[in-house]
Protein backbone atom coordinates (compact mmCIF):
# COMPACT_ATOMS: atom_id res chain seq x y z
CA UNK A 1 -29.32 -58.93 17.69
CA UNK A 2 -29.73 -56.33 20.71
CA UNK A 3 -27.15 -53.63 20.00
CA UNK A 4 -25.99 -52.01 23.12
CA UNK A 5 -23.61 -49.00 23.58
CA UNK A 6 -22.09 -46.98 26.17
CA UNK A 7 -19.71 -44.07 27.20
CA UNK A 8 -16.43 -45.34 28.37
CA UNK A 9 -14.15 -42.62 30.17
CA UNK A 10 -10.60 -43.58 30.55
CA UNK A 11 -7.19 -41.97 30.78
CA UNK A 12 -3.67 -41.86 29.56
CA UNK A 13 -1.34 -40.08 31.84
CA UNK A 14 -3.36 -36.70 33.06
CA UNK A 15 -5.50 -36.73 29.81
CA UNK A 16 -9.23 -37.95 29.95
CA UNK A 17 -10.65 -39.86 27.04
CA UNK A 18 -14.20 -40.47 26.18
CA UNK A 19 -14.66 -43.73 24.10
CA UNK A 20 -17.75 -45.43 22.57
CA UNK A 21 -18.09 -49.32 23.37
CA UNK A 22 -20.76 -51.18 21.66
CA UNK A 23 -21.69 -54.90 21.71
CA UNK A 24 -24.56 -57.27 20.86
CA UNK A 25 -26.42 -57.89 24.22
CA UNK A 26 -27.99 -61.23 22.90
CA UNK A 27 -24.38 -62.79 22.81
CA UNK A 28 -23.21 -64.56 25.86
CA UNK A 29 -19.52 -65.08 26.80
CA UNK A 30 -16.37 -63.38 25.87
CA UNK A 31 -15.86 -62.53 22.20
CA UNK A 32 -13.24 -60.86 19.96
CA UNK A 33 -12.74 -57.06 20.86
CA UNK A 34 -11.99 -54.45 18.31
CA UNK A 35 -10.30 -51.10 18.55
CA UNK A 36 -11.45 -48.60 16.26
CA UNK A 37 -9.67 -45.49 15.55
CA UNK A 38 -11.17 -42.36 14.14
CA UNK A 39 -10.29 -39.73 11.23
CA UNK A 40 -8.51 -36.47 12.00
CA UNK A 41 -12.03 -34.91 12.68
CA UNK A 42 -11.87 -36.74 16.00
CA UNK A 43 -14.50 -39.42 17.48
CA UNK A 44 -17.51 -38.66 15.53
CA UNK A 45 -21.00 -40.12 14.83
CA UNK A 46 -19.42 -41.71 11.71
CA UNK A 47 -16.76 -43.73 13.71
CA UNK A 48 -19.31 -44.69 16.59
CA UNK A 49 -21.39 -46.07 13.81
CA UNK A 50 -18.56 -48.21 12.76
CA UNK A 51 -18.12 -49.55 16.15
CA UNK A 52 -21.89 -50.25 16.08
CA UNK A 53 -21.74 -52.28 12.77
CA UNK A 54 -18.67 -54.42 14.45
CA UNK A 55 -20.87 -55.08 17.32
CA UNK A 56 -23.67 -56.35 14.92
CA UNK A 57 -21.00 -58.51 13.71
CA UNK A 58 -20.68 -60.47 16.83
CA UNK A 59 -17.68 -58.31 18.09
CA UNK A 60 -16.97 -56.00 20.99
CA UNK A 61 -15.83 -52.66 19.64
CA UNK A 62 -14.45 -49.98 21.36
CA UNK A 63 -14.12 -46.52 19.42
CA UNK A 64 -11.25 -44.78 21.22
CA UNK A 65 -10.70 -41.00 21.70
CA UNK A 66 -7.15 -39.94 20.62
CA UNK A 67 -7.48 -36.39 21.21
CA UNK A 68 -9.00 -36.35 24.74
CA UNK A 69 -12.16 -35.26 26.38
CA UNK A 70 -14.01 -36.14 23.25
CA UNK A 71 -12.83 -33.22 21.14
CA UNK A 72 -13.80 -33.16 17.88
CA UNK A 73 -12.93 -30.50 15.02
CA UNK A 74 -15.14 -28.50 12.70
CA UNK A 75 -12.63 -27.38 10.12
CA UNK A 76 -9.55 -28.80 8.57
CA UNK A 77 -7.52 -26.49 10.48
CA UNK A 78 -8.82 -27.68 13.90
CA UNK A 79 -8.38 -31.31 12.69
CA UNK A 80 -4.75 -30.81 11.53
CA UNK A 81 -4.11 -29.00 14.70
CA UNK A 82 -5.48 -31.85 16.81
CA UNK A 83 -3.78 -34.63 14.61
CA UNK A 84 -0.42 -32.88 14.57
CA UNK A 85 -0.40 -32.69 18.33
CA UNK A 86 -0.62 -36.43 18.41
CA UNK A 87 1.87 -37.18 15.70
CA UNK A 88 4.18 -34.52 17.14
CA UNK A 89 4.67 -36.50 20.20
CA UNK A 90 4.32 -40.20 19.47
CA UNK A 91 5.53 -41.44 22.73
CA UNK A 92 2.42 -39.86 24.07
CA UNK A 93 0.38 -41.06 21.18
CA UNK A 94 1.57 -44.64 21.80
CA UNK A 95 0.40 -44.41 25.30
CA UNK A 96 -2.99 -43.36 24.06
CA UNK A 97 -3.35 -46.35 21.78
CA UNK A 98 -2.07 -48.56 24.74
CA UNK A 99 -4.56 -46.94 26.99
CA UNK A 100 -7.45 -47.66 24.61
CA UNK A 101 -6.45 -51.26 24.22
CA UNK A 102 -6.05 -51.63 27.59
CA UNK A 103 -9.63 -50.51 28.32
CA UNK A 104 -11.00 -52.80 25.44
CA UNK A 105 -9.12 -55.79 27.25
CA UNK A 106 -10.76 -54.73 30.61
CA UNK A 107 -14.16 -55.53 29.34
CA UNK A 108 -15.78 -58.91 30.51
CA UNK A 109 -17.24 -59.30 27.08
CA UNK A 110 -13.90 -59.35 25.29
CA UNK A 111 -11.68 -62.31 24.56
CA UNK A 112 -8.18 -60.90 25.44
CA UNK A 113 -6.59 -63.31 23.40
CA UNK A 114 -8.45 -62.24 20.25
CA UNK A 115 -8.00 -58.54 19.56
CA UNK A 116 -7.71 -56.25 16.39
CA UNK A 117 -7.56 -52.60 15.75
CA UNK A 118 -8.97 -50.83 12.66
CA UNK A 119 -8.60 -47.17 11.69
CA UNK A 120 -9.80 -44.46 9.10
CA UNK A 121 -7.31 -41.95 7.81
CA UNK A 122 -5.06 -40.71 10.78
CA UNK A 123 -6.74 -43.80 12.52
CA UNK A 124 -5.46 -46.14 9.57
CA UNK A 125 -1.86 -44.64 10.25
CA UNK A 126 -2.50 -45.38 14.08
CA UNK A 127 -3.65 -48.86 13.78
CA UNK A 128 -0.64 -49.78 11.46
CA UNK A 129 1.60 -48.09 14.24
CA UNK A 130 -0.04 -50.54 16.82
CA UNK A 131 0.84 -53.34 14.57
CA UNK A 132 4.44 -52.17 13.83
CA UNK A 133 5.55 -51.87 17.56
CA UNK A 134 4.37 -55.40 18.03
CA UNK A 135 1.00 -54.83 20.18
CA UNK A 136 -0.74 -58.11 20.82
CA UNK A 137 -3.22 -57.80 18.08
CA UNK A 138 -4.43 -60.65 15.88
CA UNK A 139 -5.24 -57.87 12.90
CA UNK A 140 -4.98 -54.45 12.00
CA UNK A 141 -6.51 -52.77 9.27
CA UNK A 142 -6.23 -49.35 7.67
CA UNK A 143 -8.93 -47.75 5.67
CA UNK A 144 -7.43 -44.89 3.42
CA UNK A 145 -4.69 -44.46 6.07
CA UNK A 146 -1.52 -42.50 5.85
CA UNK A 147 1.33 -45.49 5.49
CA UNK A 148 4.38 -43.48 6.83
CA UNK A 149 6.09 -45.20 9.69
CA UNK A 150 6.97 -43.83 12.90
CA UNK A 151 8.85 -47.17 13.72
CA UNK A 152 10.42 -49.39 11.40
CA UNK A 153 9.77 -53.04 12.49
CA UNK A 154 12.51 -55.56 12.53
CA UNK A 155 11.78 -59.15 11.16
CA UNK A 156 9.27 -60.90 13.23
CA UNK A 157 8.07 -57.77 15.00
CA UNK A 158 4.81 -57.54 13.65
CA UNK A 159 2.71 -60.07 15.06
CA UNK A 160 -0.61 -58.83 13.62
CA UNK A 161 -1.91 -59.87 10.16
CA UNK A 162 -2.18 -56.34 8.56
CA UNK A 163 -4.64 -55.35 5.82
CA UNK A 164 -4.31 -52.16 3.89
CA UNK A 165 -7.28 -50.85 1.84
CA UNK A 166 -6.18 -47.86 -0.28
CA UNK A 167 -7.74 -45.91 -2.77
CA UNK A 168 -6.40 -45.87 -6.26
CA UNK A 169 -7.41 -42.21 -6.83
CA UNK A 170 -5.95 -41.06 -3.47
CA UNK A 171 -4.20 -37.72 -4.23
CA UNK A 172 -2.97 -37.61 -0.45
CA UNK A 173 -1.32 -41.11 -0.12
CA UNK A 174 0.39 -41.80 -3.49
CA UNK A 175 1.30 -45.09 -4.86
CA UNK A 176 5.04 -44.54 -4.24
CA UNK A 177 3.72 -44.46 -0.15
CA UNK A 178 2.02 -47.90 -1.06
CA UNK A 179 5.29 -49.30 -2.54
CA UNK A 180 7.33 -48.01 0.25
CA UNK A 181 4.98 -49.79 2.87
CA UNK A 182 5.11 -52.93 0.97
CA UNK A 183 9.08 -52.99 1.15
CA UNK A 184 8.86 -52.28 4.84
CA UNK A 185 6.49 -55.24 5.67
CA UNK A 186 8.55 -57.53 3.40
CA UNK A 187 11.61 -56.41 5.24
CA UNK A 188 9.93 -57.26 8.56
CA UNK A 189 8.48 -60.63 7.22
CA UNK A 190 5.03 -59.54 8.02
CA UNK A 191 1.92 -61.41 7.01
CA UNK A 192 0.04 -58.26 5.11
CA UNK A 193 -2.10 -57.44 1.94
CA UNK A 194 -2.81 -54.39 0.19
CA UNK A 195 -5.99 -53.93 -1.79
CA UNK A 196 -6.26 -51.01 -3.96
CA UNK A 197 -9.56 -50.02 -4.84
CA UNK A 198 -9.72 -48.44 -8.36
CA UNK A 199 -10.45 -44.99 -8.86
CA UNK A 200 -11.46 -44.45 -5.16
CA UNK A 201 -10.25 -41.27 -3.44
CA UNK A 202 -9.06 -40.27 0.02
CA UNK A 203 -11.85 -41.01 2.45
CA UNK A 204 -13.61 -43.37 0.30
CA UNK A 205 -15.52 -45.15 3.43
CA UNK A 206 -17.20 -42.18 4.74
CA UNK A 207 -20.52 -40.97 3.27
CA UNK A 208 -19.53 -37.54 4.52
CA UNK A 209 -16.48 -37.32 2.45
CA UNK A 210 -18.18 -35.80 -0.42
CA UNK A 211 -19.63 -32.91 1.56
CA UNK A 212 -16.11 -32.43 3.13
CA UNK A 213 -14.54 -32.29 -0.08
CA UNK A 214 -16.78 -29.61 -1.47
CA UNK A 215 -17.08 -27.76 1.80
CA UNK A 216 -13.38 -27.41 2.43
CA UNK A 217 -11.71 -28.24 -0.93
CA UNK A 218 -10.32 -31.47 0.02
CA UNK A 219 -9.81 -34.23 -2.35
CA UNK A 220 -11.92 -36.56 -0.70
CA UNK A 221 -14.93 -38.52 -1.79
CA UNK A 222 -17.15 -41.39 -1.08
CA UNK A 223 -17.17 -44.56 -3.14
CA UNK A 224 -19.74 -47.09 -2.41
CA UNK A 225 -18.08 -49.97 -4.09
CA UNK A 226 -14.75 -49.45 -2.28
CA UNK A 227 -16.60 -48.79 1.06
CA UNK A 228 -18.39 -52.18 0.58
CA UNK A 229 -15.50 -54.03 -0.74
CA UNK A 230 -12.94 -52.97 1.97
CA UNK A 231 -15.38 -53.71 4.87
CA UNK A 232 -15.80 -57.18 3.35
CA UNK A 233 -12.18 -57.96 3.14
CA UNK A 234 -11.87 -57.02 6.89
CA UNK A 235 -14.97 -59.04 7.84
CA UNK A 236 -13.19 -61.86 5.94
CA UNK A 237 -9.80 -61.45 7.41
CA UNK A 238 -11.51 -61.49 11.03
CA UNK A 239 -12.81 -64.58 10.11
CA UNK A 240 -9.93 -66.18 9.42
CA UNK A 241 -7.83 -64.61 12.27
CA UNK A 242 -10.70 -65.42 15.08
């Protein structure tokens, strides 16, 4: 395995975005491409690391920048402001998601017929949004993401297979939210799966969650079992889809 990565600059409207592309240089020919969408903190080393992990699995992964200019937040207030700026204008937010996907598809190493999107927290909501509006994805995966909808899909509109990995102890996204999501996907005749990881808190996949919880008083925490099992569920889904 020969892990390679590079900074990718791309644009959406007048906004410059700074992404992270990762691939295995030992592989030849096109391979499935994965869009990776960050938490509310922005495109951090944690998310770059997830893109690198996907490259190690044989995919070409692009960690996209939803905030522009590679902006990252140092505090929850900064993160909330950056996230809400995107959520408050989802027409522009959708444009940023499309720009990220288009940039991935432009890569010669990517098989444009085999793509997926994954995301964490805020990014999980964005990956689900891509699926809800029918972007050309084979799969969309949310890790401890918000489940509320910016677009209620009609029957057949969700083309991707959808996987939601949710923490049973998540104090920020409730089981009522999970039930509403299930109802929405059922009404859309979507092919989806929800895995509830017992006791896992919001942010369960990030080793930084414990420290962030202590530092900022947030109800988040790392869970090694949920981290491992959710990643395995994603890899299994990709194996079926691709």
